[in-house]
Every structure is written in structure tokens, then in C-alpha cells.
N, C-alpha and C. Protein backbone atom coordinates (compact mmCIF):
# COMPACT_ATOMS: atom_id res chain seq x y z
N MET A 1 41.01 -13.93 -16.96
CA MET A 1 39.63 -13.77 -17.49
C MET A 1 38.29 -14.26 -16.75
N ARG A 2 38.68 -15.47 -16.01
CA ARG A 2 37.32 -15.98 -15.01
C ARG A 2 37.42 -15.31 -13.96
N ARG A 3 38.67 -14.62 -13.06
CA ARG A 3 38.50 -13.77 -12.11
C ARG A 3 37.72 -12.38 -12.34
N ALA A 4 38.21 -11.93 -13.70
CA ALA A 4 37.50 -10.59 -14.01
C ALA A 4 35.94 -10.91 -14.14
N LEU A 5 35.35 -11.85 -14.54
CA LEU A 5 34.06 -12.24 -14.58
C LEU A 5 33.37 -12.14 -12.99
N ILE A 6 34.23 -13.04 -12.12
CA ILE A 6 34.01 -12.82 -10.60
C ILE A 6 33.66 -11.65 -10.38
N TRP A 7 34.81 -10.94 -10.29
CA TRP A 7 34.53 -9.60 -9.84
C TRP A 7 33.60 -8.51 -10.43
N LEU A 8 33.33 -8.74 -11.75
CA LEU A 8 32.09 -8.17 -12.43
C LEU A 8 30.84 -8.42 -11.60
N GLY A 9 30.49 -10.08 -11.36
CA GLY A 9 29.63 -10.20 -10.81
C GLY A 9 29.10 -9.93 -9.48
N ILE A 10 30.39 -9.69 -8.73
CA ILE A 10 30.34 -9.33 -7.38
C ILE A 10 30.03 -7.38 -7.56
N GLY A 11 30.74 -6.79 -7.92
CA GLY A 11 30.04 -5.47 -8.38
C GLY A 11 29.18 -4.92 -9.09
N THR A 12 28.36 -6.12 -9.60
CA THR A 12 26.83 -5.97 -10.10
C THR A 12 25.93 -5.98 -8.96
N VAL A 13 26.46 -7.10 -8.31
CA VAL A 13 25.56 -7.65 -7.01
C VAL A 13 25.55 -6.20 -5.86
N VAL A 14 26.70 -6.11 -5.60
CA VAL A 14 26.77 -4.89 -4.87
C VAL A 14 26.22 -3.51 -5.33
N ALA A 15 26.34 -3.21 -6.84
CA ALA A 15 25.60 -1.94 -7.26
C ALA A 15 24.08 -2.29 -6.70
N LEU A 16 23.54 -3.08 -7.33
CA LEU A 16 22.07 -3.46 -7.34
C LEU A 16 21.67 -3.44 -5.75
N GLY A 17 22.29 -3.84 -4.81
CA GLY A 17 22.14 -3.75 -3.54
C GLY A 17 22.33 -2.36 -2.92
N LEU A 18 23.09 -1.78 -3.57
CA LEU A 18 23.04 -0.21 -3.14
C LEU A 18 21.88 0.54 -3.90
N VAL A 19 21.52 0.49 -4.83
CA VAL A 19 20.48 1.15 -5.72
C VAL A 19 19.17 0.42 -4.90
N ALA A 20 18.76 -0.60 -4.26
CA ALA A 20 17.65 -1.01 -3.82
C ALA A 20 17.63 -0.41 -2.61
N ALA A 21 18.76 -0.23 -1.51
CA ALA A 21 18.63 0.28 -0.28
C ALA A 21 18.55 1.85 -0.40
N LEU A 22 19.02 2.56 -1.69
CA LEU A 22 18.57 3.82 -1.68
C LEU A 22 17.21 4.18 -2.02
N ALA A 23 16.68 3.05 -2.98
CA ALA A 23 15.29 3.24 -3.24
C ALA A 23 14.11 2.95 -2.36
N LEU A 24 14.68 2.05 -1.20
CA LEU A 24 13.39 1.56 -0.41
C LEU A 24 12.86 2.61 0.28
N PRO A 25 13.35 3.86 0.77
CA PRO A 25 12.82 4.64 1.61
C PRO A 25 11.47 5.36 0.93
N ARG A 26 11.68 5.51 -0.67
CA ARG A 26 10.88 5.98 -1.45
C ARG A 26 9.84 5.18 -1.65
N VAL A 27 10.16 4.00 -1.88
CA VAL A 27 9.25 2.89 -2.41
C VAL A 27 8.04 2.82 -1.19
N ARG A 28 8.62 2.85 -0.10
CA ARG A 28 7.86 2.48 1.37
C ARG A 28 7.02 3.58 1.46
N ALA A 29 7.42 4.73 1.20
CA ALA A 29 6.58 6.26 1.14
C ALA A 29 5.53 6.10 0.21
N LEU A 30 5.62 5.92 -0.88
CA LEU A 30 5.17 6.04 -1.77
C LEU A 30 3.70 4.52 -1.50
N SER A 31 4.27 3.66 -1.10
CA SER A 31 3.35 2.29 -0.65
C SER A 31 2.51 2.86 0.48
N SER A 32 2.78 3.72 1.57
CA SER A 32 2.01 4.31 2.50
C SER A 32 0.96 5.30 2.17
N LEU A 33 1.48 5.92 1.35
CA LEU A 33 0.40 6.92 0.74
C LEU A 33 -0.71 6.27 -0.25
N GLY A 34 -0.39 5.22 -0.83
CA GLY A 34 -1.21 4.47 -1.44
C GLY A 34 -2.51 3.62 -0.90
N ALA A 35 -1.59 2.96 0.33
CA ALA A 35 -2.56 2.02 1.29
C ALA A 35 -3.49 3.15 1.76
N GLY A 36 -3.04 4.45 2.19
CA GLY A 36 -3.84 5.29 2.81
C GLY A 36 -4.89 5.80 1.93
N TYR A 37 -4.66 6.07 0.78
CA TYR A 37 -5.56 6.26 -0.39
C TYR A 37 -6.67 5.20 -0.37
N VAL A 38 -6.47 4.32 -0.67
CA VAL A 38 -7.24 3.01 -0.48
C VAL A 38 -8.24 2.62 0.53
N ALA A 39 -7.68 2.64 1.71
CA ALA A 39 -8.27 2.74 2.86
C ALA A 39 -9.15 3.92 3.17
N LYS A 40 -8.74 5.20 2.68
CA LYS A 40 -9.85 6.19 3.14
C LYS A 40 -11.10 5.83 2.13
N GLN A 41 -10.68 5.99 0.69
CA GLN A 41 -11.66 5.62 -0.29
C GLN A 41 -12.75 4.67 -0.02
N MET A 42 -12.19 3.29 0.27
CA MET A 42 -12.97 2.36 0.46
C MET A 42 -13.89 2.80 1.64
N CYS A 43 -13.37 3.29 2.71
CA CYS A 43 -14.06 3.65 4.08
C CYS A 43 -15.30 4.03 3.56
N SER A 44 -14.83 5.63 3.01
CA SER A 44 -15.49 6.23 2.83
C SER A 44 -16.95 5.81 2.01
N CYS A 45 -16.50 4.96 0.90
CA CYS A 45 -17.37 4.06 0.10
C CYS A 45 -18.46 3.29 0.57
N ILE A 46 -17.78 2.51 1.73
CA ILE A 46 -18.61 1.45 2.39
C ILE A 46 -19.55 2.38 3.38
N PHE A 47 -18.87 2.89 4.25
CA PHE A 47 -19.53 3.51 5.59
C PHE A 47 -20.23 4.49 5.45
N VAL A 48 -19.77 5.26 4.44
CA VAL A 48 -20.52 6.95 4.05
C VAL A 48 -21.38 6.76 3.24
N ASP A 49 -21.18 6.20 1.91
CA ASP A 49 -22.08 6.02 0.85
C ASP A 49 -23.04 4.79 1.27
N GLY A 50 -22.57 3.87 2.09
CA GLY A 50 -23.54 2.80 2.29
C GLY A 50 -23.61 1.70 0.88
N ARG A 51 -22.15 1.74 0.11
CA ARG A 51 -22.05 0.62 -0.84
C ARG A 51 -21.66 -0.78 -0.42
N GLU A 52 -21.42 -1.61 -1.18
CA GLU A 52 -20.90 -2.99 -0.79
C GLU A 52 -19.50 -2.70 -1.42
N TYR A 53 -18.67 -3.70 -0.65
CA TYR A 53 -17.15 -3.64 -1.19
C TYR A 53 -17.03 -4.06 -2.66
N ALA A 54 -17.91 -5.01 -3.32
CA ALA A 54 -17.65 -5.48 -4.44
C ALA A 54 -18.02 -3.74 -5.43
N SER A 55 -18.95 -3.26 -5.02
CA SER A 55 -19.24 -1.78 -6.08
C SER A 55 -18.03 -0.84 -5.60
N CYS A 56 -17.55 -0.95 -4.57
CA CYS A 56 -16.53 0.13 -4.32
C CYS A 56 -15.13 -0.23 -5.01
N ARG A 57 -14.73 -1.64 -5.06
CA ARG A 57 -13.55 -1.76 -5.40
C ARG A 57 -13.01 -1.29 -6.81
N PRO A 58 -14.06 -1.46 -7.69
CA PRO A 58 -13.65 -0.54 -9.01
C PRO A 58 -13.46 1.06 -9.10
N ASP A 59 -13.63 1.73 -7.90
CA ASP A 59 -13.80 3.11 -8.15
C ASP A 59 -12.08 3.28 -7.88
N ILE A 60 -11.70 2.30 -7.37
CA ILE A 60 -9.95 2.55 -7.23
C ILE A 60 -9.28 2.24 -8.42
N PRO A 61 -8.15 3.30 -8.89
CA PRO A 61 -7.55 2.93 -10.20
C PRO A 61 -6.69 1.70 -10.50
N PRO A 62 -6.66 1.51 -11.41
CA PRO A 62 -6.03 0.09 -11.69
C PRO A 62 -4.35 0.10 -11.24
N SER A 63 -4.21 1.21 -11.18
CA SER A 63 -2.41 1.24 -10.98
C SER A 63 -2.28 0.68 -9.41
N MET A 64 -3.53 0.84 -8.67
CA MET A 64 -3.41 0.57 -7.11
C MET A 64 -3.81 -0.98 -6.78
N ASP A 65 -3.68 -1.78 -7.76
CA ASP A 65 -4.03 -3.10 -7.79
C ASP A 65 -3.30 -4.10 -6.71
N ARG A 66 -2.19 -3.49 -6.47
CA ARG A 66 -1.33 -4.21 -5.64
C ARG A 66 -1.74 -4.08 -4.04
N VAL A 67 -2.58 -2.82 -3.69
CA VAL A 67 -3.02 -2.33 -2.55
C VAL A 67 -4.22 -3.34 -2.29
N GLU A 68 -4.06 -4.22 -1.03
CA GLU A 68 -5.34 -5.25 -0.69
C GLU A 68 -6.27 -4.45 0.57
N ALA A 69 -7.37 -4.35 0.38
CA ALA A 69 -8.34 -4.07 1.37
C ALA A 69 -8.94 -5.05 2.15
N GLU A 70 -9.22 -5.02 3.29
CA GLU A 70 -10.62 -5.96 4.11
C GLU A 70 -11.25 -4.68 4.98
N VAL A 71 -12.35 -4.99 5.00
CA VAL A 71 -13.12 -4.19 5.80
C VAL A 71 -13.26 -4.79 7.08
N LEU A 72 -13.31 -3.89 8.39
CA LEU A 72 -13.11 -4.26 9.80
C LEU A 72 -14.56 -4.12 10.11
N ALA A 73 -14.72 -4.89 10.99
CA ALA A 73 -15.97 -4.85 11.98
C ALA A 73 -16.14 -3.93 13.20
N THR A 74 -14.69 -4.14 13.80
CA THR A 74 -14.76 -3.55 15.07
C THR A 74 -13.31 -3.12 15.30
N PRO A 75 -12.87 -1.91 15.35
CA PRO A 75 -14.24 -0.77 15.14
C PRO A 75 -14.20 -0.75 13.54
N PRO A 76 -15.24 -0.10 13.27
CA PRO A 76 -15.85 0.06 11.65
C PRO A 76 -14.85 0.65 10.86
N GLY A 77 -14.17 0.02 9.76
CA GLY A 77 -13.47 0.71 8.93
C GLY A 77 -12.78 -0.05 7.79
N VAL A 78 -11.89 0.31 7.34
CA VAL A 78 -10.89 -0.46 6.43
C VAL A 78 -9.59 -0.73 6.52
N ARG A 79 -9.06 -1.68 6.39
CA ARG A 79 -7.65 -2.12 6.72
C ARG A 79 -6.84 -1.95 4.89
N ALA A 80 -6.14 -1.23 4.48
CA ALA A 80 -5.21 -1.63 3.37
C ALA A 80 -4.15 -1.79 3.59
N VAL A 81 -3.52 -2.63 2.60
CA VAL A 81 -2.20 -3.41 3.00
C VAL A 81 -1.40 -3.82 1.79
N VAL A 82 0.01 -2.85 1.51
CA VAL A 82 0.72 -3.30 0.57
C VAL A 82 1.77 -4.21 1.19
N ARG A 83 1.83 -5.41 0.63
CA ARG A 83 2.41 -6.38 1.09
C ARG A 83 4.29 -6.15 1.99
N PHE A 84 4.50 -6.44 2.69
CA PHE A 84 5.88 -5.91 2.98
C PHE A 84 6.41 -4.90 3.09
N LEU A 85 5.62 -3.54 2.86
CA LEU A 85 5.87 -2.40 2.92
C LEU A 85 4.84 -1.28 3.60
N ALA A 86 3.92 -1.51 3.54
CA ALA A 86 3.00 -0.44 4.07
C ALA A 86 1.67 -1.01 4.32
N GLU A 87 1.15 -0.40 5.54
CA GLU A 87 -0.35 -0.67 6.09
C GLU A 87 -0.91 0.30 6.51
N ARG A 88 -1.96 0.82 6.32
CA ARG A 88 -2.94 1.98 6.86
C ARG A 88 -4.18 1.47 6.74
N GLU A 89 -4.79 2.25 7.93
CA GLU A 89 -6.38 1.87 8.38
C GLU A 89 -7.21 3.48 8.61
N ALA A 90 -8.20 3.08 7.92
CA ALA A 90 -9.26 4.32 8.04
C ALA A 90 -10.66 3.75 8.68
N ARG A 91 -10.74 4.40 10.06
CA ARG A 91 -11.86 4.13 10.90
C ARG A 91 -13.08 5.05 10.71
N TRP A 92 -14.30 4.29 10.50
CA TRP A 92 -15.49 5.16 10.69
C TRP A 92 -16.00 5.68 12.02
N SER A 93 -16.57 6.76 12.00
CA SER A 93 -17.10 7.34 13.05
C SER A 93 -18.45 8.13 12.88
N PRO A 94 -19.43 8.17 13.26
CA PRO A 94 -20.86 8.61 12.82
C PRO A 94 -20.70 10.26 13.06
N ASP A 95 -19.53 10.70 13.61
CA ASP A 95 -19.27 12.52 13.81
C ASP A 95 -18.19 12.78 13.13
N THR A 96 -17.50 11.86 12.70
CA THR A 96 -16.25 12.59 11.77
C THR A 96 -16.19 11.66 10.60
N GLY A 97 -16.99 10.89 10.13
CA GLY A 97 -17.00 9.93 9.12
C GLY A 97 -15.49 9.22 8.81
N CYS A 98 -14.81 8.98 8.19
CA CYS A 98 -13.62 8.32 8.13
C CYS A 98 -12.44 9.01 8.24
N THR A 99 -11.70 8.38 9.19
CA THR A 99 -10.24 9.14 9.32
C THR A 99 -9.09 8.19 9.18
N LEU A 100 -8.00 8.38 8.73
CA LEU A 100 -7.08 7.54 8.43
C LEU A 100 -6.16 7.46 9.99
N TYR A 101 -5.73 6.35 10.42
CA TYR A 101 -4.77 6.31 11.56
C TYR A 101 -3.37 5.56 11.07
């Protein structure tokens, strides 16, 4: 009985590891997409519209609360991060506006 429980536990850990490994590329891709969206929207709001960070952040959907954003001074832009998964940057230029990098 005890040996069966040990093997059941090992099997469960292996199955969970396999599911996590298969899901990781999709989670990273979606995180990169979300970080890019937040970086571009915040950059456009701050540098194109001329609004403050505090008034721009509520424009981002609540489903993207895990995406952190910070305003960059040089070059002017916004960097958005989903911790451990993705990072995107949008830079502002007077000629082209905000562009993702």
C-alpha cells in the first residue's frame, strides 16, 4: 500500500512537470503579447497624449494587472514586464510616435 502511494505521488509530480513544460511556451508568448500591449499603450498615452502615468494606468484592462510598467527617460519610452516571463519596450520618437522593440 505504501509503495503504491509513493509511485502515485511520483507519477503525479511527473505529470504536473510535463503539463507545465508543455504550457510554458504558450504562457511566455501570451505574456510577451500582454507586455507589448501595455508598453505601447502606456507610451502612447504618456508621450503622444501628454498625460501622466497615474491617469494612463487605469486605461489598461484589469486582466493585465500583473504587467508592470515603468517610464524610461533615455530613450524616452515605457518598459513593461511580466516577471520571469516577458519584457517589452516601446520607445517614443517625434517622427514615428511609439514603436515596440
